[in-house]
C-alpha atoms as a PDB file:
ATOM      1  CA  MET A   1     137.709-246.241  -0.822  1.00  0.00           C
ATOM      2  CA  LYS A   2     134.928-244.183   0.760  1.00  0.00           C
ATOM      3  CA  ILE A   3     135.922-241.632   3.391  1.00  0.00           C
ATOM      4  CA  LYS A   4     133.569-243.188   5.941  1.00  0.00           C
ATOM      5  CA  ASN A   5     135.523-246.458   5.663  1.00  0.00           C
ATOM      6  CA  LEU A   6     138.689-244.631   6.706  1.00  0.00           C
ATOM      7  CA  ILE A   7     137.291-243.527  10.074  1.00  0.00           C
ATOM      8  CA  PRO A   8     137.187-246.981  11.768  1.00  0.00           C
ATOM      9  CA  ASN A   9     140.560-247.875  10.225  1.00  0.00           C
ATOM     10  CA  ALA A  10     142.110-244.662  11.555  1.00  0.00           C
ATOM     11  CA  ILE A  11     140.847-245.520  15.054  1.00  0.00           C
ATOM     12  CA  THR A  12     142.286-249.025  14.660  1.00  0.00           C
ATOM     13  CA  LEU A  13     145.683-247.556  13.768  1.00  0.00           C
ATOM     14  CA  LEU A  14     145.530-245.366  16.890  1.00  0.00           C
ATOM     15  CA  ASN A  15     144.947-248.606  18.817  1.00  0.00           C
ATOM     16  CA  LEU A  16     148.113-249.981  17.183  1.00  0.00           C
ATOM     17  CA  LEU A  17     150.069-246.850  18.143  1.00  0.00           C
ATOM     18  CA  CYS A  18     148.962-247.233  21.761  1.00  0.00           C
ATOM     19  CA  GLY A  19     150.280-250.788  21.692  1.00  0.00           C
ATOM     20  CA  CYS A  20     153.625-249.531  20.403  1.00  0.00           C
ATOM     21  CA  PHE A  21     153.775-246.841  23.097  1.00  0.00           C
ATOM     22  CA  SER A  22     152.898-249.459  25.719  1.00  0.00           C
ATOM     23  CA  ILE A  23     155.827-251.633  24.639  1.00  0.00           C
ATOM     24  CA  VAL A  24     158.235-248.662  24.678  1.00  0.00           C
ATOM     25  CA  SER A  25     157.026-247.713  28.173  1.00  0.00           C
ATOM     26  CA  ALA A  26     157.602-251.284  29.361  1.00  0.00           C
ATOM     27  CA  PHE A  27     161.132-251.243  27.903  1.00  0.00           C
ATOM     28  CA  GLU A  28     161.791-248.035  29.839  1.00  0.00           C
ATOM     29  CA  GLY A  29     160.567-249.667  33.044  1.00  0.00           C
ATOM     30  CA  ASP A  30     157.403-247.554  33.203  1.00  0.00           C
ATOM     31  CA  LEU A  31     154.856-250.343  33.704  1.00  0.00           C
ATOM     32  CA  ILE A  32     152.202-247.880  34.897  1.00  0.00           C
ATOM     33  CA  GLY A  33     152.398-245.949  31.623  1.00  0.00           C
ATOM     34  CA  SER A  34     152.471-249.220  29.712  1.00  0.00           C
ATOM     35  CA  ALA A  35     149.267-250.342  31.446  1.00  0.00           C
ATOM     36  CA  TYR A  36     147.457-247.065  30.730  1.00  0.00           C
ATOM     37  CA  PHE A  37     148.316-247.328  27.025  1.00  0.00           C
ATOM     38  CA  ILE A  38     146.744-250.795  26.970  1.00  0.00           C
ATOM     39  CA  PHE A  39     143.576-249.404  28.593  1.00  0.00           C
ATOM     40  CA  LEU A  40     143.467-246.636  25.972  1.00  0.00           C
ATOM     41  CA  ALA A  41     143.994-249.217  23.216  1.00  0.00           C
ATOM     42  CA  ALA A  42     141.021-251.185  24.582  1.00  0.00           C
ATOM     43  CA  VAL A  43     138.802-248.088  24.398  1.00  0.00           C
ATOM     44  CA  LEU A  44     139.901-247.473  20.807  1.00  0.00           C
ATOM     45  CA  ASP A  45     139.330-251.141  19.968  1.00  0.00           C
ATOM     46  CA  PHE A  46     135.738-250.752  21.175  1.00  0.00           C
ATOM     47  CA  LEU A  47     135.276-247.498  19.251  1.00  0.00           C
ATOM     48  CA  ASP A  48     136.529-248.761  15.893  1.00  0.00           C
ATOM     49  CA  GLY A  49     133.967-251.574  15.896  1.00  0.00           C
ATOM     50  CA  THR A  50     131.243-249.203  17.056  1.00  0.00           C
ATOM     51  CA  PHE A  51     131.951-246.681  14.294  1.00  0.00           C
ATOM     52  CA  ALA A  52     132.190-249.471  11.716  1.00  0.00           C
ATOM     53  CA  ARG A  53     128.666-250.600  12.647  1.00  0.00           C
ATOM     54  CA  ILE A  54     127.211-247.065  12.847  1.00  0.00           C
ATOM     55  CA  LEU A  55     128.715-246.025   9.489  1.00  0.00           C
ATOM     56  CA  ASN A  56     128.125-249.429   7.906  1.00  0.00           C
ATOM     57  CA  ALA A  57     131.828-249.351   7.067  1.00  0.00           C
ATOM     58  CA  ARG A  58     132.892-252.938   7.694  1.00  0.00           C
ATOM     59  CA  THR A  59     135.606-253.949   5.250  1.00  0.00           C
ATOM     60  CA  GLU A  60     137.991-256.871   4.884  1.00  0.00           C
ATOM     61  CA  ILE A  61     141.032-254.612   5.291  1.00  0.00           C
ATOM     62  CA  GLY A  62     139.480-253.206   8.462  1.00  0.00           C
ATOM     63  CA  LYS A  63     139.052-256.724   9.819  1.00  0.00           C
ATOM     64  CA  GLN A  64     142.688-257.580   9.115  1.00  0.00           C
ATOM     65  CA  LEU A  65     143.976-254.273  10.515  1.00  0.00           C
ATOM     66  CA  ASP A  66     141.981-254.854  13.684  1.00  0.00           C
ATOM     67  CA  SER A  67     143.606-258.239  14.278  1.00  0.00           C
ATOM     68  CA  LEU A  68     147.107-256.911  13.563  1.00  0.00           C
ATOM     69  CA  ALA A  69     146.569-253.971  15.934  1.00  0.00           C
ATOM     70  CA  ASP A  70     145.160-256.300  18.605  1.00  0.00           C
ATOM     71  CA  MET A  71     148.199-258.558  18.282  1.00  0.00           C
ATOM     72  CA  VAL A  72     150.457-255.645  19.220  1.00  0.00           C
ATOM     73  CA  SER A  73     148.257-253.962  21.840  1.00  0.00           C
ATOM     74  CA  PHE A  74     146.736-257.047  23.466  1.00  0.00           C
ATOM     75  CA  GLY A  75     149.351-259.694  22.678  1.00  0.00           C
ATOM     76  CA  LEU A  76     152.866-258.258  22.653  1.00  0.00           C
ATOM     77  CA  ALA A  77     152.322-255.347  25.054  1.00  0.00           C
ATOM     78  CA  PRO A  78     150.898-257.423  27.962  1.00  0.00           C
ATOM     79  CA  GLY A  79     153.600-260.013  27.287  1.00  0.00           C
ATOM     80  CA  PHE A  80     156.268-257.383  27.958  1.00  0.00           C
ATOM     81  CA  ILE A  81     154.489-256.259  31.126  1.00  0.00           C
ATOM     82  CA  LEU A  82     154.473-259.849  32.418  1.00  0.00           C
ATOM     83  CA  PHE A  83     158.125-260.233  31.388  1.00  0.00           C
ATOM     84  CA  HIS A  84     159.102-257.265  33.555  1.00  0.00           C
ATOM     85  CA  LEU A  85     156.890-258.344  36.458  1.00  0.00           C
ATOM     86  CA  ILE A  86     158.496-261.809  36.516  1.00  0.00           C
ATOM     87  CA  SER A  87     161.969-260.257  36.217  1.00  0.00           C
ATOM     88  CA  ASN A  88     161.203-257.889  39.103  1.00  0.00           C
ATOM     89  CA  SER A  89     159.896-260.788  41.201  1.00  0.00           C
ATOM     90  CA  LEU A  90     163.246-262.531  40.771  1.00  0.00           C
ATOM     91  CA  ILE A  91     165.021-259.433  42.101  1.00  0.00           C
ATOM     92  CA  VAL A  92     162.710-259.250  45.122  1.00  0.00           C
ATOM     93  CA  THR A  93     163.303-262.910  45.981  1.00  0.00           C
ATOM     94  CA  GLY A  94     167.054-262.610  45.421  1.00  0.00           C
ATOM     95  CA  MET A  95     167.156-265.073  42.528  1.00  0.00           C
ATOM     96  CA  GLN A  96     169.633-264.671  39.691  1.00  0.00           C
ATOM     97  CA  ILE A  97     168.218-262.840  36.660  1.00  0.00           C
ATOM     98  CA  THR A  98     171.060-263.439  34.212  1.00  0.00           C
ATOM     99  CA  ASP A  99     170.403-266.505  32.023  1.00  0.00           C
ATOM    100  CA  ASN A 100     167.175-267.144  33.924  1.00  0.00           C
ATOM    101  CA  VAL A 101     164.462-268.517  31.628  1.00  0.00           C
ATOM    102  CA  PHE A 102     161.523-267.747  33.934  1.00  0.00           C
ATOM    103  CA  PRO A 103     160.711-264.250  32.517  1.00  0.00           C
ATOM    104  CA  TYR A 104     160.369-265.754  29.039  1.00  0.00           C
ATOM    105  CA  PHE A 105     157.290-267.692  30.118  1.00  0.00           C
ATOM    106  CA  ALA A 106     155.531-264.327  29.702  1.00  0.00           C
ATOM    107  CA  PHE A 107     155.779-264.701  25.933  1.00  0.00           C
ATOM    108  CA  PHE A 108     153.286-267.541  25.975  1.00  0.00           C
ATOM    109  CA  VAL A 109     150.762-264.687  26.031  1.00  0.00           C
ATOM    110  CA  PRO A 110     151.655-263.132  22.627  1.00  0.00           C
ATOM    111  CA  VAL A 111     152.099-266.589  21.061  1.00  0.00           C
ATOM    112  CA  PHE A 112     148.663-267.807  22.135  1.00  0.00           C
ATOM    113  CA  SER A 113     147.153-264.376  21.383  1.00  0.00           C
ATOM    114  CA  ALA A 114     148.279-264.807  17.776  1.00  0.00           C
ATOM    115  CA  VAL A 115     146.561-268.203  17.647  1.00  0.00           C
ATOM    116  CA  ARG A 116     143.420-266.737  19.264  1.00  0.00           C
ATOM    117  CA  LEU A 117     143.208-263.885  16.743  1.00  0.00           C
ATOM    118  CA  ALA A 118     143.862-266.157  13.761  1.00  0.00           C
ATOM    119  CA  LYS A 119     141.088-268.528  14.908  1.00  0.00           C
ATOM    120  CA  PHE A 120     138.703-265.600  15.381  1.00  0.00           C
ATOM    121  CA  ASN A 121     139.272-264.364  11.813  1.00  0.00           C
ATOM    122  CA  ILE A 122     138.257-267.668  10.220  1.00  0.00           C
ATOM    123  CA  ASP A 123     135.622-268.814  12.730  1.00  0.00           C
ATOM    124  CA  THR A 124     132.076-267.884  11.687  1.00  0.00           C
ATOM    125  CA  LYS A 125     130.707-269.132  15.034  1.00  0.00           C
ATOM    126  CA  GLN A 126     132.166-266.143  16.907  1.00  0.00           C
ATOM    127  CA  LYS A 127     129.938-263.441  15.441  1.00  0.00           C
ATOM    128  CA  ASN A 128     127.569-263.289  18.429  1.00  0.00           C
ATOM    129  CA  SER A 129     129.779-264.821  21.119  1.00  0.00           C
ATOM    130  CA  PHE A 130     133.424-265.630  21.743  1.00  0.00           C
ATOM    131  CA  ILE A 131     135.203-268.953  22.073  1.00  0.00           C
ATOM    132  CA  GLY A 132     138.054-268.523  24.512  1.00  0.00           C
ATOM    133  CA  LEU A 133     139.006-265.415  26.480  1.00  0.00           C
ATOM    134  CA  PRO A 134     139.143-262.346  24.161  1.00  0.00           C
ATOM    135  CA  THR A 135     142.609-260.810  23.838  1.00  0.00           C
ATOM    136  CA  PRO A 136     141.487-257.331  25.075  1.00  0.00           C
ATOM    137  CA  ALA A 137     140.080-258.835  28.289  1.00  0.00           C
ATOM    138  CA  ASN A 138     143.283-260.805  28.832  1.00  0.00           C
ATOM    139  CA  ALA A 139     145.424-257.723  28.211  1.00  0.00           C
ATOM    140  CA  ILE A 140     143.353-255.531  30.558  1.00  0.00           C
ATOM    141  CA  LEU A 141     143.735-258.159  33.284  1.00  0.00           C
ATOM    142  CA  ILE A 142     147.526-258.252  32.895  1.00  0.00           C
ATOM    143  CA  ALA A 143     147.708-254.446  32.664  1.00  0.00           C
ATOM    144  CA  SER A 144     145.940-254.193  36.015  1.00  0.00           C
ATOM    145  CA  PHE A 145     148.793-256.010  37.801  1.00  0.00           C
ATOM    146  CA  PRO A 146     151.346-253.141  37.874  1.00  0.00           C
ATOM    147  CA  LEU A 147     148.602-250.686  38.863  1.00  0.00           C
ATOM    148  CA  ILE A 148     147.458-252.886  41.741  1.00  0.00           C
ATOM    149  CA  LEU A 149     151.096-253.307  42.741  1.00  0.00           C
ATOM    150  CA  PHE A 150     151.613-249.533  42.668  1.00  0.00           C
ATOM    151  CA  TYR A 151     148.606-248.724  44.870  1.00  0.00           C
ATOM    152  CA  GLU A 152     148.930-251.757  47.145  1.00  0.00           C
ATOM    153  CA  ASN A 153     150.942-251.792  50.376  1.00  0.00           C
ATOM    154  CA  GLU A 154     154.334-253.386  49.657  1.00  0.00           C
ATOM    155  CA  ASN A 155     153.909-255.778  52.591  1.00  0.00           C
ATOM    156  CA  SER A 156     150.358-256.851  51.747  1.00  0.00           C
ATOM    157  CA  PHE A 157     149.330-260.411  50.921  1.00  0.00           C
ATOM    158  CA  ILE A 158     148.540-259.485  47.299  1.00  0.00           C
ATOM    159  CA  THR A 159     151.958-257.918  46.773  1.00  0.00           C
ATOM    160  CA  ILE A 160     154.125-260.575  48.411  1.00  0.00           C
ATOM    161  CA  ASN A 161     152.195-263.734  47.582  1.00  0.00           C
ATOM    162  CA  ILE A 162     150.793-262.927  44.148  1.00  0.00           C
ATOM    163  CA  LEU A 163     152.254-260.009  42.195  1.00  0.00           C
ATOM    164  CA  GLN A 164     155.834-260.515  43.415  1.00  0.00           C
ATOM    165  CA  ASN A 165     155.690-264.305  43.476  1.00  0.00           C
ATOM    166  CA  THR A 166     157.592-265.727  40.508  1.00  0.00           C
ATOM    167  CA  TRP A 167     155.707-269.027  40.490  1.00  0.00           C
ATOM    168  CA  VAL A 168     152.298-267.364  40.629  1.00  0.00           C
ATOM    169  CA  LEU A 169     153.194-265.046  37.737  1.00  0.00           C
ATOM    170  CA  ILE A 170     154.510-267.945  35.640  1.00  0.00           C
ATOM    171  CA  SER A 171     151.359-269.930  36.405  1.00  0.00           C
ATOM    172  CA  LEU A 172     149.219-266.964  35.379  1.00  0.00           C
ATOM    173  CA  SER A 173     151.147-266.690  32.101  1.00  0.00           C
ATOM    174  CA  VAL A 174     150.372-270.312  31.293  1.00  0.00           C
ATOM    175  CA  VAL A 175     146.754-270.341  32.514  1.00  0.00           C
ATOM    176  CA  LEU A 176     145.809-267.103  30.755  1.00  0.00           C
ATOM    177  CA  SER A 177     147.426-268.334  27.535  1.00  0.00           C
ATOM    178  CA  ILE A 178     145.377-271.532  27.679  1.00  0.00           C
ATOM    179  CA  LEU A 179     142.183-269.558  28.348  1.00  0.00           C
ATOM    180  CA  LEU A 180     142.782-267.642  25.117  1.00  0.00           C
ATOM    181  CA  VAL A 181     142.434-270.759  22.957  1.00  0.00           C
ATOM    182  CA  VAL A 182     140.324-273.131  25.057  1.00  0.00           C
ATOM    183  CA  ASN A 183     136.982-274.205  23.596  1.00  0.00           C
ATOM    184  CA  LEU A 184     134.951-272.189  26.106  1.00  0.00           C
ATOM    185  CA  PRO A 185     131.972-270.121  24.847  1.00  0.00           C
ATOM    186  CA  LEU A 186     132.058-266.645  26.381  1.00  0.00           C
ATOM    187  CA  LEU A 187     129.673-263.716  26.317  1.00  0.00           C
ATOM    188  CA  SER A 188     129.963-261.000  23.700  1.00  0.00           C
ATOM    189  CA  LEU A 189     129.157-257.516  25.008  1.00  0.00           C
ATOM    190  CA  LYS A 190     127.726-256.380  21.665  1.00  0.00           C
ATOM    191  CA  PHE A 191     124.107-255.256  22.048  1.00  0.00           C
ATOM    192  CA  LYS A 192     121.942-256.001  19.012  1.00  0.00           C
ATOM    193  CA  THR A 193     118.913-254.606  20.859  1.00  0.00           C
ATOM    194  CA  MET A 194     118.547-252.806  24.176  1.00  0.00           C
ATOM    195  CA  LYS A 195     115.787-255.131  25.444  1.00  0.00           C
ATOM    196  CA  PHE A 196     116.458-256.369  28.957  1.00  0.00           C
ATOM    197  CA  SER A 197     115.153-259.861  28.209  1.00  0.00           C
ATOM    198  CA  ASP A 198     117.528-260.230  25.238  1.00  0.00           C
ATOM    199  CA  ASN A 199     120.576-259.039  27.204  1.00  0.00           C
ATOM    200  CA  LEU A 200     119.966-260.255  30.748  1.00  0.00           C
ATOM    201  CA  ASN A 201     123.470-261.657  31.291  1.00  0.00           C
ATOM    202  CA  ARG A 202     125.081-258.575  29.742  1.00  0.00           C
ATOM    203  CA  TYR A 203     123.164-256.192  31.996  1.00  0.00           C
ATOM    204  CA  ILE A 204     123.921-258.270  35.092  1.00  0.00           C
ATOM    205  CA  PHE A 205     127.619-258.339  34.213  1.00  0.00           C
ATOM    206  CA  LEU A 206     127.833-254.609  33.468  1.00  0.00           C
ATOM    207  CA  PHE A 207     125.894-253.646  36.612  1.00  0.00           C
ATOM    208  CA  LEU A 208     128.080-255.768  38.906  1.00  0.00           C
ATOM    209  CA  SER A 209     131.259-254.628  37.124  1.00  0.00           C
ATOM    210  CA  ILE A 210     130.439-250.934  37.610  1.00  0.00           C
ATOM    211  CA  ILE A 211     129.785-251.481  41.319  1.00  0.00           C
ATOM    212  CA  LEU A 212     133.057-253.406  41.723  1.00  0.00           C
ATOM    213  CA  LEU A 213     135.096-250.799  39.820  1.00  0.00           C
ATOM    214  CA  ILE A 214     133.657-247.938  41.881  1.00  0.00           C
ATOM    215  CA  ALA A 215     134.301-249.776  45.143  1.00  0.00           C
ATOM    216  CA  LEU A 216     137.662-251.417  44.443  1.00  0.00           C
ATOM    217  CA  LYS A 217     139.098-249.440  41.491  1.00  0.00           C
ATOM    218  CA  PHE A 218     142.009-251.307  39.844  1.00  0.00           C
ATOM    219  CA  HIS A 219     141.720-254.152  42.338  1.00  0.00           C
ATOM    220  CA  ALA A 220     138.332-254.936  40.803  1.00  0.00           C
ATOM    221  CA  ILE A 221     139.677-255.783  37.338  1.00  0.00           C
ATOM    222  CA  PRO A 222     140.744-259.401  38.093  1.00  0.00           C
ATOM    223  CA  ILE A 223     137.394-259.947  39.836  1.00  0.00           C
ATOM    224  CA  VAL A 224     135.529-258.467  36.852  1.00  0.00           C
ATOM    225  CA  ILE A 225     137.324-260.805  34.417  1.00  0.00           C
ATOM    226  CA  LEU A 226     136.510-263.783  36.643  1.00  0.00           C
ATOM    227  CA  LEU A 227     132.900-262.574  36.864  1.00  0.00           C
ATOM    228  CA  TYR A 228     132.823-262.321  33.056  1.00  0.00           C
ATOM    229  CA  ILE A 229     133.830-265.975  32.732  1.00  0.00           C
ATOM    230  CA  ILE A 230     131.309-267.116  35.376  1.00  0.00           C
ATOM    231  CA  VAL A 231     128.410-265.135  33.854  1.00  0.00           C
ATOM    232  CA  SER A 232     129.326-266.485  30.402  1.00  0.00           C
ATOM    233  CA  ILE A 233     129.392-270.092  31.611  1.00  0.00           C
ATOM    234  CA  PHE A 234     126.087-269.623  33.446  1.00  0.00           C
ATOM    235  CA  GLY A 235     124.534-268.016  30.372  1.00  0.00           C
ATOM    236  CA  GLU A 236     125.762-270.823  28.145  1.00  0.00           C
ATOM    237  CA  HIS A 237     124.292-273.398  30.548  1.00  0.00           C
ATOM    238  CA  GLN A 238     120.958-271.549  30.555  1.00  0.00           C
ATOM    239  CA  GLY A 239     121.019-271.491  26.762  1.00  0.00           C
ATOM    240  CA  ILE A 240     121.631-275.233  26.567  1.00  0.00           C
ATOM    241  CA  VAL A 241     118.832-275.948  29.045  1.00  0.00           C
ATOM    242  CA  GLY A 242     116.506-273.604  27.175  1.00  0.00           C
ATOM    243  CA  ASN A 243     117.264-275.281  23.865  1.00  0.00           C
ATOM    244  CA  ARG A 244     116.598-278.712  25.368  1.00  0.00           C
ATOM    245  CA  VAL A 245     113.270-277.513  26.793  1.00  0.00           C
ATOM    246  CA  ASN A 246     112.280-276.041  23.434  1.00  0.00           C
ATOM    247  CA  MET A 247     113.252-279.259  21.648  1.00  0.00           C
ATOM    248  CA  GLY A 248     111.270-281.269  24.207  1.00  0.00           C
ATOM    249  CA  ASN A 249     108.185-279.079  23.711  1.00  0.00           C
ATOM    250  CA  LYS A 250     108.494-279.435  19.955  1.00  0.00           C
ATOM    251  CA  GLU A 251     108.717-283.236  20.210  1.00  0.00           C
ATOM    252  CA  ASN A 252     105.659-283.294  22.505  1.00  0.00           C
ATOM    253  CA  ARG A 253     103.638-281.247  20.013  1.00  0.00           C
ATOM    254  CA  GLU A 254     104.703-283.526  17.183  1.00  0.00           C
ATOM    255  CA  ASN A 255     103.773-286.625  19.192  1.00  0.00           C
ATOM    256  CA  LYS A 256     100.363-285.173  20.013  1.00  0.00           C
ATOM    257  CA  GLY A 257      99.831-284.433  16.351  1.00  0.00           C
ATOM    258  CA  ASN A 258     100.719-287.999  15.429  1.00  0.00           C
ATOM    259  CA  ASP A 259      98.302-289.347  18.070  1.00  0.00           C
ATOM    260  CA  ASN A 260      95.481-287.312  16.547  1.00  0.00           C
END
């Protein structure tokens, strides 16, 4: 194996290590540390693909390693964060934790993440776009919850009615798991060219995301993920309309040719 092929794989393994550290932090009750390790894993996940393209070092083992690392960092790790958040919400509301099944709803996330990653590996249609919410985006969203909770006032609406509400957290576990595997085309942030016309939706999304993150910090992450879905749906609709227009123009030209 060429040395250049080892560089992306080494970055992927660092991603995997971050996932392991995130899980250990969650076990120790340090959800803030667990969240930061997921963020670091997401950066490494971006870098391994970037270096693979720059070095032309894409390999089958690299592809498989990437999915295995993502399963730990963006499947298991956020599942444990949700598990602890639901458990903590039961304590806040005075509900019994022992033998309570509610925290285990969090493990829908790693189960559906495994399905999402397996589908991605065999689906040739996801080279330029995604079908279903990508596991890193889902994990970043979940990782933002303990950080928002930490910086938010304990008596605020967000704290009491969302992040410490058992039913909301369970609902989020189910909804986010479904979004991972639903047949919904979503935008890929990979730039093949830097032309504005070729990447209009990407530039709009990145510009708005940067503004939101500067203004709202961790509170912006759920909004950014929602914005990502909306921009993707809008872009897909524009693509469908554009294709129909192009097909209509082609048919008109063919009809004119037949008339002549």
